[in-house]
Amino acid sequence: MRKAAGVIREHKANILDQWEQAVNREIHASRATTTLVLRNILPRILDSLADILELHEGKEDLTARKNYEEVINESIGHGRHRATSEHYTSKRIINEYIVLHRVLIYLLQEKKTYNADVGVVVSFTMETSLAYSIDSFTHSLEDMRMKLTGTLAHDIRNPLSAAYLGIDVLNYKDGEERFYKVKDMVKKNLRRSLDLLEGFMDAITVNSGEGISLTFAESNIVEDIELVCWEASETYPNPINLESGGEKIIGIFDATAIRRLLENLMTNAVKYGSKDSPITVKIKEEGEEVFLSVHNQGSYISHEQKDKIFQFLNRSHKNTEEGLKSWGIGLTFVKMAAEAHGGHVELKSDQEKQETSFIVLLRKLANPPGKKRVKLNYAV
């Protein structure tokens, strides 16, 4: 047993090289991941296997869970990572372990350290690792689908509420101009609700490593920003200030995604900012770039939180005293939507002044018209 453990430790790099070559050759999905990612967990599994072989030399109980804690933990991490890797399935994870098992057996046989007892320990360790990896992979996919559908279900309330509010206040006696403005707002929100329902159906069937589908088309982004700000002013107690450099900014955008992006930023500003202070939205055009920012007072985001709040399935903020809840994907969506438009999002927060600003850069011509699936920034 100890000789087999020593061979595994001594030839770990060789095992990894042979495993990676075989996996890349036999499992198509693995080619989309980097060498570092492919090798990030297996070294620790091999170390744990060597430890187990040495323990079994002393007639330790092969099935005792305490001997497999490290293997189990690494295997859970492996499954979670594969759930964020594009095109992976349970079958492909099983194939990864089959390849690793095969490489180990060939090496131990070559070094004349393989026997029936070693084979039992190696097989049991591989089977235990595989079981936990598959379980983690399955639960991670289920969790992602729940978060995505939950967020869409949450976000669809915004346009439906705005449409309901518009219908409720629609009155021709208020003047023809206001009547048609409200009517147009109702139609746009109902159209957006249908778009989100399509996204809801898409999220139900999301596979490993996939994100959300966006649809890009030429549009005037200022109209969408103005409509979101008008709806927010009718809904929230905070004053909403919009500073726009012009009436039109034309580009290739996903208008629904831009509206959801802004709604998420404004919702956060209301939740975590001062109740009475204004929320300022600015939009300006500089060549092929568009800058959209949301500023609020009464909140501060620490440097440690800044690195986490954009990650999928992570929520740094606690619930507010009113019991408002977040699905933990709002800011992840903001980052994803900005990057899908060829840009990024920047966070500035001042502890002394107790104020926070999110600045989003969008590029007007980053995408051709049509559909595009974009990935989320997963926290694994």
Protein backbone atom coordinates (compact mmCIF):
# COMPACT_ATOMS: atom_id res chain seq x y z
CA MET A 1 0.00 0.00 0.00
CA ARG A 2 2.73 2.44 0.99
CA LYS A 3 4.65 1.73 -2.20
CA ALA A 4 1.55 2.47 -4.28
CA ALA A 5 1.03 5.70 -2.31
CA GLY A 6 4.64 6.66 -2.96
CA VAL A 7 4.27 6.04 -6.71
CA ILE A 8 1.21 8.28 -6.85
CA ARG A 9 3.00 11.07 -4.99
CA GLU A 10 6.17 10.76 -7.05
CA HIS A 11 4.43 10.60 -10.41
CA LYS A 12 1.56 13.02 -9.72
CA ALA A 13 2.58 15.42 -12.49
CA ASN A 14 2.78 12.56 -14.98
CA ILE A 15 -0.64 11.26 -13.91
CA LEU A 16 -2.13 14.71 -14.45
CA ASP A 17 -0.51 15.08 -17.87
CA GLN A 18 -1.77 11.70 -19.06
CA TRP A 19 -5.23 12.32 -17.61
CA GLU A 20 -5.52 15.76 -19.20
CA GLN A 21 -4.43 14.51 -22.62
CA ALA A 22 -6.91 11.63 -22.50
CA VAL A 23 -9.75 13.85 -21.25
CA ASN A 24 -9.15 16.44 -23.97
CA ARG A 25 -9.05 13.67 -26.54
CA GLU A 26 -12.14 11.78 -25.34
CA ILE A 27 -14.37 14.49 -23.79
CA HIS A 28 -15.20 17.33 -26.18
CA ALA A 29 -16.57 19.67 -23.47
CA SER A 30 -13.24 19.72 -21.62
CA ARG A 31 -11.59 21.53 -24.54
CA ALA A 32 -13.49 24.68 -23.65
CA THR A 33 -11.84 24.85 -20.22
CA THR A 34 -8.29 25.94 -19.47
CA THR A 35 -5.41 23.70 -18.42
CA LEU A 36 -5.39 25.36 -14.99
CA VAL A 37 -9.08 24.66 -14.48
CA LEU A 38 -8.75 21.03 -15.55
CA ARG A 39 -5.95 20.46 -13.06
CA ASN A 40 -7.10 22.64 -10.14
CA ILE A 41 -8.72 19.90 -8.04
CA LEU A 42 -7.20 16.57 -9.09
CA PRO A 43 -3.80 17.11 -7.39
CA ARG A 44 -5.55 17.30 -4.03
CA ILE A 45 -7.65 14.21 -4.82
CA LEU A 46 -4.44 12.31 -5.67
CA ASP A 47 -2.84 13.45 -2.41
CA SER A 48 -5.89 12.27 -0.50
CA LEU A 49 -5.81 8.92 -2.33
CA ALA A 50 -2.17 8.46 -1.32
CA ASP A 51 -3.09 9.26 2.29
CA ILE A 52 -5.91 6.69 2.21
CA LEU A 53 -3.59 4.02 0.81
CA GLU A 54 -1.15 4.67 3.66
CA LEU A 55 -3.96 4.54 6.24
CA HIS A 56 -5.23 1.26 4.85
CA GLU A 57 -1.77 -0.22 5.42
CA GLY A 58 -2.63 -0.05 9.10
CA LYS A 59 -5.92 -1.90 8.51
CA GLU A 60 -8.01 1.25 8.86
CA ASP A 61 -11.70 0.79 8.03
CA LEU A 62 -11.92 1.35 4.27
CA THR A 63 -15.43 2.79 4.48
CA ALA A 64 -14.84 5.17 7.42
CA ARG A 65 -15.99 8.61 6.29
CA LYS A 66 -13.25 10.38 8.28
CA ASN A 67 -10.70 8.95 5.83
CA TYR A 68 -12.51 10.51 2.88
CA GLU A 69 -13.35 14.02 4.10
CA GLU A 70 -10.74 15.67 1.88
CA VAL A 71 -11.76 13.61 -1.15
CA ILE A 72 -15.43 14.40 -0.53
CA ASN A 73 -14.80 18.14 -0.19
CA GLU A 74 -12.67 18.29 -3.34
CA SER A 75 -15.23 16.22 -5.26
CA ILE A 76 -18.05 18.57 -4.26
CA GLY A 77 -15.95 21.47 -5.56
CA HIS A 78 -15.29 19.56 -8.78
CA GLY A 79 -19.02 19.02 -9.36
CA ARG A 80 -19.84 22.66 -8.66
CA HIS A 81 -17.19 23.81 -11.09
CA ARG A 82 -18.39 21.49 -13.83
CA ALA A 83 -21.90 22.93 -13.43
CA THR A 84 -20.45 26.29 -14.50
CA SER A 85 -18.46 24.79 -17.40
CA GLU A 86 -20.16 24.90 -20.77
CA HIS A 87 -21.54 21.67 -22.29
CA TYR A 88 -20.78 19.46 -19.29
CA THR A 89 -23.15 16.63 -18.33
CA SER A 90 -23.20 13.90 -15.69
CA LYS A 91 -21.99 11.43 -18.32
CA ARG A 92 -18.93 13.55 -19.08
CA ILE A 93 -18.05 13.79 -15.39
CA ILE A 94 -18.29 10.00 -15.14
CA ASN A 95 -15.96 9.74 -18.13
CA GLU A 96 -13.43 12.02 -16.39
CA TYR A 97 -13.28 9.64 -13.45
CA ILE A 98 -13.11 6.57 -15.68
CA VAL A 99 -10.09 8.11 -17.43
CA LEU A 100 -8.41 8.95 -14.11
CA HIS A 101 -9.04 5.45 -12.77
CA ARG A 102 -7.57 3.93 -15.92
CA VAL A 103 -4.45 6.13 -15.81
CA LEU A 104 -3.86 5.23 -12.15
CA ILE A 105 -4.21 1.48 -12.76
CA TYR A 106 -1.84 1.55 -15.75
CA LEU A 107 0.79 3.48 -13.79
CA LEU A 108 0.61 1.28 -10.71
CA GLN A 109 0.82 -1.85 -12.86
CA GLU A 110 3.81 -0.42 -14.73
CA LYS A 111 5.58 0.31 -11.43
CA LYS A 112 4.64 -3.17 -10.13
CA THR A 113 2.82 -1.80 -7.08
CA TYR A 114 -0.69 -2.86 -8.08
CA ASN A 115 -2.45 -5.76 -6.36
CA ALA A 116 -5.99 -6.70 -5.37
CA ASP A 117 -5.95 -4.70 -2.12
CA VAL A 118 -4.60 -1.58 -3.85
CA GLY A 119 -7.23 -2.00 -6.56
CA VAL A 120 -10.02 -2.11 -3.95
CA VAL A 121 -8.82 1.09 -2.26
CA VAL A 122 -8.34 2.95 -5.55
CA SER A 123 -11.75 1.85 -6.86
CA PHE A 124 -13.56 2.72 -3.64
CA THR A 125 -11.91 6.16 -3.55
CA MET A 126 -12.78 6.87 -7.19
CA GLU A 127 -16.38 5.71 -6.69
CA THR A 128 -16.78 7.85 -3.57
CA SER A 129 -15.34 10.88 -5.33
CA LEU A 130 -17.53 10.33 -8.38
CA ALA A 131 -20.72 9.97 -6.31
CA TYR A 132 -20.18 13.27 -4.50
CA SER A 133 -19.10 15.08 -7.66
CA ILE A 134 -22.23 14.00 -9.57
CA ASP A 135 -24.46 14.91 -6.63
CA SER A 136 -22.85 18.35 -6.39
CA PHE A 137 -23.12 18.88 -10.14
CA THR A 138 -26.83 18.01 -10.14
CA HIS A 139 -27.67 20.19 -7.14
CA SER A 140 -25.67 23.13 -8.53
CA LEU A 141 -27.57 23.01 -11.83
CA GLU A 142 -30.86 22.84 -9.96
CA ASP A 143 -29.81 25.80 -7.83
CA MET A 144 -28.84 27.83 -10.90
CA ARG A 145 -32.17 27.17 -12.58
CA MET A 146 -34.02 28.12 -9.42
CA LYS A 147 -32.10 31.37 -9.10
CA LEU A 148 -32.55 32.29 -12.76
CA THR A 149 -36.27 31.53 -12.84
CA GLY A 150 -36.76 33.17 -9.45
CA THR A 151 -35.07 36.34 -10.66
CA LEU A 152 -37.11 36.47 -13.84
CA ALA A 153 -40.28 35.87 -11.84
CA HIS A 154 -39.24 38.74 -9.57
CA ASP A 155 -38.29 41.06 -12.44
CA ILE A 156 -41.50 40.45 -14.36
CA ARG A 157 -43.40 42.11 -11.53
CA ASN A 158 -41.88 45.47 -12.46
CA PRO A 159 -43.39 45.78 -15.96
CA LEU A 160 -46.66 44.15 -14.88
CA SER A 161 -46.97 46.54 -11.92
CA ALA A 162 -46.15 49.50 -14.17
CA ALA A 163 -48.74 48.36 -16.73
CA TYR A 164 -51.35 47.90 -13.99
CA LEU A 165 -50.54 51.35 -12.60
CA GLY A 166 -50.83 52.87 -16.07
CA ILE A 167 -54.22 51.28 -16.70
CA ASP A 168 -55.40 52.43 -13.27
CA VAL A 169 -54.50 56.09 -13.91
CA LEU A 170 -55.41 56.14 -17.60
CA ASN A 171 -57.89 58.93 -18.02
CA TYR A 172 -58.59 60.87 -21.21
CA LYS A 173 -59.65 63.87 -19.12
CA ASP A 174 -56.00 64.37 -18.12
CA GLY A 175 -55.27 65.52 -21.64
CA GLU A 176 -54.56 63.83 -24.93
CA GLU A 177 -50.77 64.00 -24.59
CA ARG A 178 -50.68 62.33 -21.16
CA PHE A 179 -53.32 59.80 -22.21
CA TYR A 180 -51.28 58.53 -25.14
CA LYS A 181 -48.03 58.65 -23.14
CA VAL A 182 -49.51 56.41 -20.45
CA LYS A 183 -51.08 54.15 -23.06
CA ASP A 184 -47.72 53.74 -24.82
CA MET A 185 -46.09 52.97 -21.47
CA VAL A 186 -48.65 50.24 -20.78
CA LYS A 187 -48.07 48.62 -24.18
CA LYS A 188 -44.28 48.68 -23.77
CA ASN A 189 -44.46 47.10 -20.34
CA LEU A 190 -46.81 44.36 -21.50
CA ARG A 191 -44.44 43.68 -24.41
CA ARG A 192 -41.52 43.49 -21.99
CA SER A 193 -43.49 41.11 -19.78
CA LEU A 194 -43.86 38.77 -22.73
CA ASP A 195 -40.12 39.01 -23.42
CA LEU A 196 -39.37 38.10 -19.80
CA LEU A 197 -41.76 35.16 -19.98
CA GLU A 198 -39.77 33.88 -22.95
CA GLY A 199 -36.63 34.24 -20.86
CA PHE A 200 -38.35 32.38 -18.03
CA MET A 201 -38.97 29.38 -20.26
CA ASP A 202 -35.35 29.58 -21.44
CA ALA A 203 -34.04 29.57 -17.86
CA ILE A 204 -35.99 26.44 -16.94
CA THR A 205 -33.88 24.41 -19.39
CA VAL A 206 -30.50 26.10 -18.80
CA ASN A 207 -27.59 23.66 -19.03
CA SER A 208 -24.16 23.71 -17.43
CA GLY A 209 -22.14 26.86 -18.03
CA GLU A 210 -25.00 28.63 -19.79
CA GLY A 211 -26.42 32.03 -19.01
CA ILE A 212 -29.25 34.14 -20.38
CA SER A 213 -30.32 34.82 -23.97
CA LEU A 214 -30.39 38.47 -25.06
CA THR A 215 -31.89 39.92 -28.23
CA PHE A 216 -30.07 42.88 -29.80
CA ALA A 217 -31.73 45.41 -32.09
CA GLU A 218 -31.37 49.07 -33.02
CA SER A 219 -33.07 51.28 -30.45
CA ASN A 220 -32.99 54.65 -28.73
CA ILE A 221 -31.70 53.87 -25.25
CA VAL A 222 -32.79 57.26 -23.87
CA GLU A 223 -36.46 56.34 -24.29
CA ASP A 224 -36.00 53.23 -22.16
CA ILE A 225 -34.06 55.09 -19.48
CA GLU A 226 -36.68 57.84 -19.31
CA LEU A 227 -39.49 55.31 -19.01
CA VAL A 228 -37.76 53.42 -16.16
CA CYS A 229 -37.14 56.68 -14.29
CA TRP A 230 -40.75 57.81 -14.78
CA GLU A 231 -42.05 54.48 -13.48
CA ALA A 232 -39.68 54.64 -10.50
CA SER A 233 -40.87 58.14 -9.64
CA GLU A 234 -44.45 56.83 -9.57
CA THR A 235 -43.47 53.85 -7.39
CA TYR A 236 -40.75 54.84 -4.92
CA PRO A 237 -40.79 57.58 -2.24
CA ASN A 238 -37.33 58.82 -3.23
CA PRO A 239 -37.09 61.72 -5.68
CA ILE A 240 -35.73 60.47 -9.03
CA ASN A 241 -33.45 62.86 -10.92
CA LEU A 242 -32.57 62.08 -14.54
CA GLU A 243 -29.71 63.92 -16.22
CA SER A 244 -29.57 63.22 -19.94
CA GLY A 245 -27.34 64.79 -22.54
CA GLY A 246 -29.89 64.53 -25.33
CA GLU A 247 -33.12 63.01 -26.56
CA LYS A 248 -31.53 60.23 -28.59
CA ILE A 249 -28.72 57.73 -28.23
CA ILE A 250 -29.08 55.20 -31.05
CA GLY A 251 -27.24 51.89 -30.99
CA ILE A 252 -27.60 48.10 -31.06
CA PHE A 253 -28.93 47.23 -27.61
CA ASP A 254 -31.07 44.68 -25.84
CA ALA A 255 -33.64 47.19 -24.59
CA THR A 256 -35.17 44.74 -22.11
CA ALA A 257 -31.75 43.98 -20.61
CA ILE A 258 -30.91 47.69 -20.30
CA ARG A 259 -34.17 48.33 -18.50
CA ARG A 260 -33.63 45.38 -16.15
CA LEU A 261 -30.08 46.61 -15.52
CA LEU A 262 -31.31 50.07 -14.53
CA GLU A 263 -34.24 48.72 -12.51
CA ASN A 264 -31.89 46.51 -10.50
CA LEU A 265 -29.55 49.42 -9.75
CA MET A 266 -32.43 51.69 -8.77
CA THR A 267 -34.03 48.98 -6.63
CA ASN A 268 -30.73 48.54 -4.76
CA ALA A 269 -30.47 52.31 -4.32
CA VAL A 270 -33.93 52.35 -2.74
CA LYS A 271 -33.34 49.28 -0.56
CA TYR A 272 -29.95 50.19 0.83
CA GLY A 273 -29.88 53.97 0.55
CA SER A 274 -31.48 56.76 2.51
CA LYS A 275 -35.27 56.72 2.18
CA ASP A 276 -35.63 60.45 1.63
CA SER A 277 -32.54 61.27 -0.43
CA PRO A 278 -32.79 61.58 -4.21
CA ILE A 279 -31.59 58.91 -6.61
CA THR A 280 -29.70 60.42 -9.52
CA VAL A 281 -29.54 58.71 -12.91
CA LYS A 282 -27.15 60.06 -15.53
CA ILE A 283 -26.74 59.00 -19.15
CA LYS A 284 -24.30 60.49 -21.62
CA GLU A 285 -22.83 59.58 -24.98
CA GLU A 286 -19.13 59.79 -25.86
CA GLY A 287 -18.46 58.59 -29.38
CA GLU A 288 -19.30 54.89 -29.57
CA GLU A 289 -19.61 54.61 -25.80
CA VAL A 290 -22.55 55.24 -23.49
CA PHE A 291 -22.15 55.90 -19.76
CA LEU A 292 -25.09 55.16 -17.46
CA SER A 293 -24.79 55.81 -13.73
CA VAL A 294 -26.99 55.54 -10.64
CA HIS A 295 -26.08 57.44 -7.47
CA ASN A 296 -27.64 57.24 -4.02
CA GLN A 297 -26.84 58.45 -0.52
CA GLY A 298 -27.05 56.65 2.80
CA SER A 299 -25.14 53.46 1.98
CA TYR A 300 -21.55 52.28 1.82
CA ILE A 301 -20.15 49.13 0.20
CA SER A 302 -16.81 47.98 1.64
CA HIS A 303 -13.83 46.98 -0.46
CA GLU A 304 -14.30 43.35 0.60
CA GLN A 305 -17.93 43.37 -0.55
CA LYS A 306 -17.04 44.93 -3.90
CA ASP A 307 -15.28 41.74 -4.98
CA LYS A 308 -18.28 39.55 -4.16
CA ILE A 309 -21.53 41.36 -4.92
CA PHE A 310 -21.30 40.79 -8.69
CA GLN A 311 -20.95 37.01 -8.34
CA PHE A 312 -23.83 34.70 -9.11
CA LEU A 313 -25.52 33.07 -6.07
CA ASN A 314 -23.85 35.54 -3.71
CA ARG A 315 -25.55 38.20 -1.62
CA SER A 316 -23.49 40.53 0.56
CA HIS A 317 -26.36 42.69 1.79
CA LYS A 318 -28.66 41.49 4.52
CA ASN A 319 -32.40 42.00 4.36
CA THR A 320 -33.56 45.47 5.26
CA GLU A 321 -35.81 46.13 8.23
CA GLU A 322 -38.86 46.01 5.97
CA GLY A 323 -37.99 42.41 5.12
CA LEU A 324 -37.17 43.10 1.48
CA LYS A 325 -35.38 40.14 -0.05
CA SER A 326 -32.97 39.70 -2.95
CA TRP A 327 -32.37 36.59 -5.03
CA GLY A 328 -28.70 37.52 -5.12
CA ILE A 329 -28.48 37.90 -8.88
CA GLY A 330 -29.47 41.54 -9.46
CA LEU A 331 -25.94 42.94 -9.59
CA THR A 332 -24.73 39.81 -11.36
CA PHE A 333 -27.22 40.61 -14.09
CA VAL A 334 -25.98 44.21 -14.21
CA LYS A 335 -22.41 43.02 -14.77
CA MET A 336 -23.48 40.40 -17.30
CA ALA A 337 -25.62 42.87 -19.29
CA ALA A 338 -22.84 45.47 -19.34
CA GLU A 339 -20.26 42.93 -20.56
CA ALA A 340 -22.73 41.60 -23.15
CA HIS A 341 -22.80 45.15 -24.57
CA GLY A 342 -19.00 45.22 -24.76
CA GLY A 343 -18.62 47.24 -21.57
CA HIS A 344 -18.23 46.88 -17.83
CA VAL A 345 -19.59 48.15 -14.53
CA GLU A 346 -17.65 50.20 -11.99
CA LEU A 347 -18.59 50.67 -8.33
CA LYS A 348 -17.62 53.73 -6.29
CA SER A 349 -18.56 53.97 -2.62
CA ASP A 350 -17.48 56.62 -0.11
CA GLN A 351 -17.66 55.68 3.56
CA GLU A 352 -17.20 59.23 4.84
CA LYS A 353 -19.90 60.70 2.61
CA GLN A 354 -22.06 57.55 2.85
CA GLU A 355 -22.82 57.47 -0.86
CA THR A 356 -22.57 54.90 -3.63
CA SER A 357 -22.46 55.13 -7.42
CA PHE A 358 -22.62 52.43 -10.07
CA ILE A 359 -21.21 53.49 -13.46
CA VAL A 360 -22.03 51.27 -16.43
CA LEU A 361 -20.17 51.51 -19.74
CA LEU A 362 -22.02 50.27 -22.83
CA ARG A 363 -20.75 50.17 -26.41
CA LYS A 364 -23.31 51.08 -29.04
CA LEU A 365 -22.08 48.75 -31.76
CA ALA A 366 -20.58 45.84 -29.80
CA ASN A 367 -23.09 43.34 -31.23
CA PRO A 368 -24.86 42.74 -34.51
CA PRO A 369 -28.66 42.53 -34.41
CA GLY A 370 -29.98 39.14 -33.27
CA LYS A 371 -29.91 36.73 -30.34
CA LYS A 372 -26.89 35.99 -28.17
CA ARG A 373 -26.46 33.80 -25.09
CA VAL A 374 -24.29 35.40 -22.43
CA LYS A 375 -22.69 33.77 -19.41
CA LEU A 376 -23.07 34.72 -15.77
CA ASN A 377 -20.21 35.43 -13.42
CA TYR A 378 -20.46 32.32 -11.26
CA ALA A 379 -19.18 32.06 -7.72
CA VAL A 380 -17.97 28.52 -7.15
